[in-house]
Amino acid sequence: MENCIFCKIIRKEMPADLKYESDTVVVFPDINPSADIHLLIVPKKHIGGIKDLNESHGLLLAEIFQVASKLAAENNLENGLYRVAVNAGKAQHVPHLHFHLLGGQWKKMI
């Protein structure tokens, strides 16, 4: 999807404060955070949403949750309150699969 904002960030056509990057995943802060720590974990390959996942995405999903765990530790969230969330349908504002790592005080529900 050429005009997808996350694809533009991945291609470095739009600036983002990357907190993590691998061959398959990038992580950057949400521009409208819902918690003290609100990071987006985004696959580099454009996947529209949950409905577009299949068995071939198993390793990618495992990496996403491993990255979430690593970032939770780096942000001192391991023993505190944090969650990983994924939105779908109309709740998914950007049509590119992504996961929210939220920690600390929640400002609002996503």
N, C-alpha and C. Protein backbone atom coordinates (compact mmCIF):
# COMPACT_ATOMS: atom_id res chain seq x y z
N MET A 1 0.85 -1.18 0.00
CA MET A 1 0.00 0.00 0.00
C MET A 1 0.89 1.24 0.00
N GLU A 2 0.97 1.91 -1.10
CA GLU A 2 1.89 3.04 -1.29
C GLU A 2 1.67 4.20 -0.31
N ASN A 3 0.42 4.53 0.00
CA ASN A 3 0.13 5.70 0.82
C ASN A 3 -0.01 5.41 2.30
N CYS A 4 0.21 4.18 2.72
CA CYS A 4 0.10 3.82 4.12
C CYS A 4 1.16 4.57 4.93
N ILE A 5 0.74 5.26 5.97
CA ILE A 5 1.67 6.06 6.77
C ILE A 5 2.76 5.18 7.40
N PHE A 6 2.41 3.96 7.82
CA PHE A 6 3.42 3.09 8.41
C PHE A 6 4.41 2.61 7.35
N CYS A 7 3.94 2.34 6.14
CA CYS A 7 4.85 1.95 5.05
C CYS A 7 5.81 3.09 4.73
N LYS A 8 5.33 4.33 4.79
CA LYS A 8 6.20 5.48 4.55
C LYS A 8 7.26 5.61 5.63
N ILE A 9 6.89 5.34 6.87
CA ILE A 9 7.87 5.36 7.97
C ILE A 9 8.89 4.24 7.76
N ILE A 10 8.43 3.07 7.40
CA ILE A 10 9.32 1.93 7.18
C ILE A 10 10.31 2.23 6.04
N ARG A 11 9.82 2.88 4.99
CA ARG A 11 10.69 3.23 3.85
C ARG A 11 11.53 4.48 4.13
N LYS A 12 11.37 5.06 5.32
CA LYS A 12 12.11 6.26 5.75
C LYS A 12 11.72 7.50 4.93
N GLU A 13 10.50 7.50 4.41
CA GLU A 13 9.97 8.66 3.70
C GLU A 13 9.33 9.64 4.67
N MET A 14 9.03 9.18 5.87
CA MET A 14 8.50 10.03 6.94
C MET A 14 9.36 9.78 8.18
N PRO A 15 9.63 10.84 8.95
CA PRO A 15 10.48 10.66 10.13
C PRO A 15 9.73 9.94 11.25
N ALA A 16 10.49 9.17 12.01
CA ALA A 16 9.97 8.53 13.21
C ALA A 16 11.15 8.24 14.13
N ASP A 17 10.90 8.30 15.41
CA ASP A 17 11.92 8.02 16.41
C ASP A 17 11.94 6.50 16.65
N LEU A 18 12.69 5.79 15.82
CA LEU A 18 12.71 4.34 15.91
C LEU A 18 13.36 3.89 17.22
N LYS A 19 12.65 3.09 17.97
CA LYS A 19 13.14 2.55 19.23
C LYS A 19 13.73 1.15 19.04
N TYR A 20 13.38 0.52 17.91
CA TYR A 20 13.87 -0.81 17.60
C TYR A 20 13.64 -1.03 16.12
N GLU A 21 14.57 -1.78 15.50
CA GLU A 21 14.39 -2.15 14.10
C GLU A 21 15.11 -3.46 13.85
N SER A 22 14.44 -4.36 13.15
CA SER A 22 15.04 -5.60 12.68
C SER A 22 14.76 -5.71 11.19
N ASP A 23 15.05 -6.83 10.62
CA ASP A 23 14.74 -7.02 9.19
C ASP A 23 13.25 -7.06 8.93
N THR A 24 12.45 -7.37 9.95
CA THR A 24 11.02 -7.58 9.73
C THR A 24 10.09 -6.68 10.55
N VAL A 25 10.63 -5.94 11.54
CA VAL A 25 9.78 -5.17 12.46
C VAL A 25 10.43 -3.82 12.77
N VAL A 26 9.59 -2.79 12.94
CA VAL A 26 10.05 -1.51 13.47
C VAL A 26 9.18 -1.15 14.67
N VAL A 27 9.75 -0.33 15.57
CA VAL A 27 9.01 0.14 16.75
C VAL A 27 9.25 1.63 16.89
N PHE A 28 8.17 2.36 17.10
CA PHE A 28 8.26 3.80 17.31
C PHE A 28 7.11 4.24 18.21
N PRO A 29 7.25 5.42 18.86
CA PRO A 29 6.19 5.91 19.75
C PRO A 29 4.92 6.28 18.97
N ASP A 30 3.79 6.05 19.59
CA ASP A 30 2.51 6.48 19.04
C ASP A 30 2.46 8.00 19.10
N ILE A 31 1.98 8.65 18.04
CA ILE A 31 1.93 10.12 18.03
C ILE A 31 0.81 10.67 18.91
N ASN A 32 -0.12 9.81 19.28
CA ASN A 32 -1.22 10.20 20.16
C ASN A 32 -1.29 9.18 21.30
N PRO A 33 -0.33 9.25 22.23
CA PRO A 33 -0.21 8.18 23.23
C PRO A 33 -1.40 8.08 24.17
N SER A 34 -1.71 6.82 24.50
CA SER A 34 -2.79 6.52 25.44
C SER A 34 -2.26 6.12 26.81
N ALA A 35 -0.94 6.12 26.96
CA ALA A 35 -0.31 5.74 28.23
C ALA A 35 1.04 6.43 28.31
N ASP A 36 1.64 6.39 29.50
CA ASP A 36 2.96 7.00 29.68
C ASP A 36 3.95 6.44 28.66
N ILE A 37 3.92 5.12 28.47
CA ILE A 37 4.72 4.48 27.43
C ILE A 37 3.74 3.87 26.44
N HIS A 38 3.83 4.30 25.20
CA HIS A 38 2.92 3.80 24.16
C HIS A 38 3.74 3.66 22.88
N LEU A 39 4.19 2.44 22.63
CA LEU A 39 5.00 2.15 21.46
C LEU A 39 4.21 1.30 20.48
N LEU A 40 4.43 1.54 19.19
CA LEU A 40 3.81 0.74 18.15
C LEU A 40 4.83 -0.24 17.61
N ILE A 41 4.47 -1.49 17.54
CA ILE A 41 5.30 -2.54 16.98
C ILE A 41 4.67 -2.91 15.65
N VAL A 42 5.42 -2.63 14.56
CA VAL A 42 4.84 -2.69 13.22
C VAL A 42 5.66 -3.62 12.32
N PRO A 43 5.01 -4.62 11.71
CA PRO A 43 5.72 -5.44 10.73
C PRO A 43 6.13 -4.59 9.53
N LYS A 44 7.32 -4.83 8.99
CA LYS A 44 7.76 -4.08 7.81
C LYS A 44 6.95 -4.47 6.58
N LYS A 45 6.55 -5.73 6.50
CA LYS A 45 5.72 -6.16 5.38
C LYS A 45 4.31 -5.64 5.62
N HIS A 46 3.71 -5.04 4.60
CA HIS A 46 2.35 -4.53 4.77
C HIS A 46 1.38 -5.70 4.89
N ILE A 47 0.74 -5.77 6.06
CA ILE A 47 -0.34 -6.72 6.32
C ILE A 47 -1.49 -5.85 6.78
N GLY A 48 -2.60 -5.92 6.09
CA GLY A 48 -3.71 -5.02 6.37
C GLY A 48 -4.24 -5.07 7.79
N GLY A 49 -4.38 -6.25 8.33
CA GLY A 49 -4.92 -6.39 9.68
C GLY A 49 -4.98 -7.85 10.08
N ILE A 50 -5.63 -8.11 11.19
CA ILE A 50 -5.74 -9.46 11.72
C ILE A 50 -6.33 -10.42 10.69
N LYS A 51 -7.32 -9.96 9.97
CA LYS A 51 -8.01 -10.81 8.99
C LYS A 51 -7.08 -11.29 7.88
N ASP A 52 -5.94 -10.62 7.71
CA ASP A 52 -5.01 -10.96 6.64
C ASP A 52 -3.88 -11.88 7.10
N LEU A 53 -3.90 -12.27 8.37
CA LEU A 53 -2.88 -13.18 8.88
C LEU A 53 -3.18 -14.62 8.47
N ASN A 54 -2.12 -15.40 8.29
CA ASN A 54 -2.27 -16.82 8.04
C ASN A 54 -1.11 -17.56 8.70
N GLU A 55 -1.06 -18.87 8.52
CA GLU A 55 -0.05 -19.68 9.19
C GLU A 55 1.38 -19.29 8.80
N SER A 56 1.58 -18.64 7.68
CA SER A 56 2.93 -18.24 7.28
C SER A 56 3.47 -17.09 8.13
N HIS A 57 2.62 -16.45 8.92
CA HIS A 57 3.02 -15.31 9.74
C HIS A 57 3.43 -15.70 11.16
N GLY A 58 3.52 -17.00 11.44
CA GLY A 58 3.82 -17.46 12.79
C GLY A 58 5.12 -16.92 13.36
N LEU A 59 6.20 -16.97 12.59
CA LEU A 59 7.50 -16.47 13.08
C LEU A 59 7.46 -14.96 13.30
N LEU A 60 6.78 -14.24 12.43
CA LEU A 60 6.65 -12.80 12.58
C LEU A 60 5.92 -12.47 13.88
N LEU A 61 4.83 -13.16 14.15
CA LEU A 61 4.07 -12.91 15.38
C LEU A 61 4.89 -13.25 16.62
N ALA A 62 5.66 -14.32 16.55
CA ALA A 62 6.54 -14.66 17.67
C ALA A 62 7.56 -13.55 17.89
N GLU A 63 8.14 -13.03 16.81
CA GLU A 63 9.11 -11.94 16.95
C GLU A 63 8.46 -10.71 17.57
N ILE A 64 7.25 -10.39 17.14
CA ILE A 64 6.55 -9.21 17.67
C ILE A 64 6.41 -9.32 19.19
N PHE A 65 6.01 -10.48 19.69
CA PHE A 65 5.84 -10.63 21.13
C PHE A 65 7.17 -10.70 21.86
N GLN A 66 8.21 -11.22 21.22
CA GLN A 66 9.54 -11.19 21.82
C GLN A 66 10.05 -9.76 21.93
N VAL A 67 9.80 -8.95 20.89
CA VAL A 67 10.19 -7.54 20.91
C VAL A 67 9.40 -6.81 22.00
N ALA A 68 8.12 -7.10 22.12
CA ALA A 68 7.30 -6.47 23.16
C ALA A 68 7.87 -6.78 24.54
N SER A 69 8.27 -8.02 24.77
CA SER A 69 8.84 -8.41 26.05
C SER A 69 10.16 -7.68 26.30
N LYS A 70 11.00 -7.60 25.29
CA LYS A 70 12.29 -6.91 25.40
C LYS A 70 12.08 -5.43 25.72
N LEU A 71 11.15 -4.79 25.03
CA LEU A 71 10.88 -3.37 25.25
C LEU A 71 10.24 -3.12 26.62
N ALA A 72 9.42 -4.05 27.08
CA ALA A 72 8.84 -3.93 28.42
C ALA A 72 9.96 -3.94 29.45
N ALA A 73 10.93 -4.83 29.28
CA ALA A 73 12.06 -4.89 30.21
C ALA A 73 12.90 -3.61 30.13
N GLU A 74 13.18 -3.14 28.92
CA GLU A 74 13.99 -1.93 28.74
C GLU A 74 13.32 -0.70 29.34
N ASN A 75 11.99 -0.71 29.41
CA ASN A 75 11.25 0.42 29.95
C ASN A 75 10.78 0.18 31.38
N ASN A 76 11.39 -0.81 32.05
CA ASN A 76 11.09 -1.13 33.45
C ASN A 76 9.61 -1.42 33.69
N LEU A 77 9.00 -2.12 32.75
CA LEU A 77 7.58 -2.45 32.87
C LEU A 77 7.34 -3.90 33.28
N GLU A 78 8.38 -4.72 33.32
CA GLU A 78 8.22 -6.15 33.55
C GLU A 78 7.40 -6.48 34.79
N ASN A 79 7.64 -5.78 35.88
CA ASN A 79 6.94 -6.07 37.12
C ASN A 79 5.79 -5.12 37.40
N GLY A 80 5.50 -4.27 36.43
CA GLY A 80 4.42 -3.31 36.59
C GLY A 80 3.29 -3.62 35.64
N LEU A 81 2.45 -2.65 35.49
CA LEU A 81 1.27 -2.81 34.66
C LEU A 81 1.60 -2.43 33.21
N TYR A 82 1.47 -3.40 32.32
CA TYR A 82 1.61 -3.12 30.89
C TYR A 82 0.77 -4.12 30.12
N ARG A 83 0.52 -3.79 28.87
CA ARG A 83 -0.22 -4.71 28.01
C ARG A 83 0.20 -4.53 26.57
N VAL A 84 -0.09 -5.55 25.79
CA VAL A 84 0.11 -5.51 24.34
C VAL A 84 -1.28 -5.65 23.74
N ALA A 85 -1.64 -4.71 22.87
CA ALA A 85 -2.98 -4.71 22.29
C ALA A 85 -2.89 -4.60 20.77
N VAL A 86 -3.88 -5.16 20.12
CA VAL A 86 -4.00 -5.01 18.67
C VAL A 86 -5.46 -4.67 18.37
N ASN A 87 -5.66 -3.68 17.55
CA ASN A 87 -7.01 -3.26 17.17
C ASN A 87 -7.38 -3.89 15.84
N ALA A 88 -8.67 -4.04 15.61
CA ALA A 88 -9.16 -4.60 14.36
C ALA A 88 -10.43 -3.88 13.95
N GLY A 89 -10.83 -4.08 12.70
CA GLY A 89 -12.05 -3.46 12.20
C GLY A 89 -11.98 -1.94 12.27
N LYS A 90 -13.07 -1.31 12.65
CA LYS A 90 -13.13 0.15 12.71
C LYS A 90 -12.25 0.74 13.81
N ALA A 91 -11.85 -0.08 14.77
CA ALA A 91 -10.96 0.39 15.84
C ALA A 91 -9.52 0.52 15.35
N GLN A 92 -9.22 -0.05 14.19
CA GLN A 92 -7.87 0.02 13.63
C GLN A 92 -7.81 1.25 12.73
N HIS A 93 -7.16 2.31 13.21
CA HIS A 93 -7.17 3.58 12.49
C HIS A 93 -6.22 3.60 11.30
N VAL A 94 -5.12 2.86 11.36
CA VAL A 94 -4.19 2.76 10.24
C VAL A 94 -4.30 1.34 9.70
N PRO A 95 -4.60 1.19 8.40
CA PRO A 95 -4.82 -0.15 7.84
C PRO A 95 -3.52 -0.91 7.57
N HIS A 96 -2.72 -1.06 8.60
CA HIS A 96 -1.46 -1.82 8.56
C HIS A 96 -1.36 -2.48 9.93
N LEU A 97 -1.30 -3.80 9.96
CA LEU A 97 -1.25 -4.52 11.22
C LEU A 97 -0.19 -3.90 12.14
N HIS A 98 -0.56 -3.64 13.38
CA HIS A 98 0.39 -3.11 14.36
C HIS A 98 -0.10 -3.45 15.76
N PHE A 99 0.85 -3.48 16.67
CA PHE A 99 0.59 -3.84 18.05
C PHE A 99 1.00 -2.67 18.94
N HIS A 100 0.23 -2.43 19.99
CA HIS A 100 0.49 -1.34 20.93
C HIS A 100 1.09 -1.93 22.20
N LEU A 101 2.25 -1.43 22.60
CA LEU A 101 2.81 -1.74 23.91
C LEU A 101 2.51 -0.54 24.79
N LEU A 102 1.70 -0.76 25.82
CA LEU A 102 1.26 0.32 26.70
C LEU A 102 1.70 0.02 28.12
N GLY A 103 2.27 1.03 28.77
CA GLY A 103 2.70 0.84 30.15
C GLY A 103 2.64 2.12 30.94
N GLY A 104 2.69 1.98 32.25
CA GLY A 104 2.58 3.14 33.13
C GLY A 104 1.12 3.50 33.31
N GLN A 105 0.85 4.76 33.47
CA GLN A 105 -0.51 5.25 33.65
C GLN A 105 -1.22 5.37 32.30
N TRP A 106 -2.43 4.83 32.22
CA TRP A 106 -3.23 4.96 31.01
C TRP A 106 -3.90 6.31 31.01
N LYS A 107 -3.88 6.99 29.87
CA LYS A 107 -4.53 8.28 29.72
C LYS A 107 -5.94 8.08 29.18
N LYS A 108 -6.10 7.06 28.34
CA LYS A 108 -7.40 6.72 27.76
C LYS A 108 -7.31 5.32 27.21
N MET A 109 -8.42 4.73 26.94
CA MET A 109 -8.44 3.41 26.33
C MET A 109 -8.21 3.54 24.84
N ILE A 110 -7.49 2.57 24.29
CA ILE A 110 -7.28 2.60 22.83
C ILE A 110 -8.34 1.79 22.15
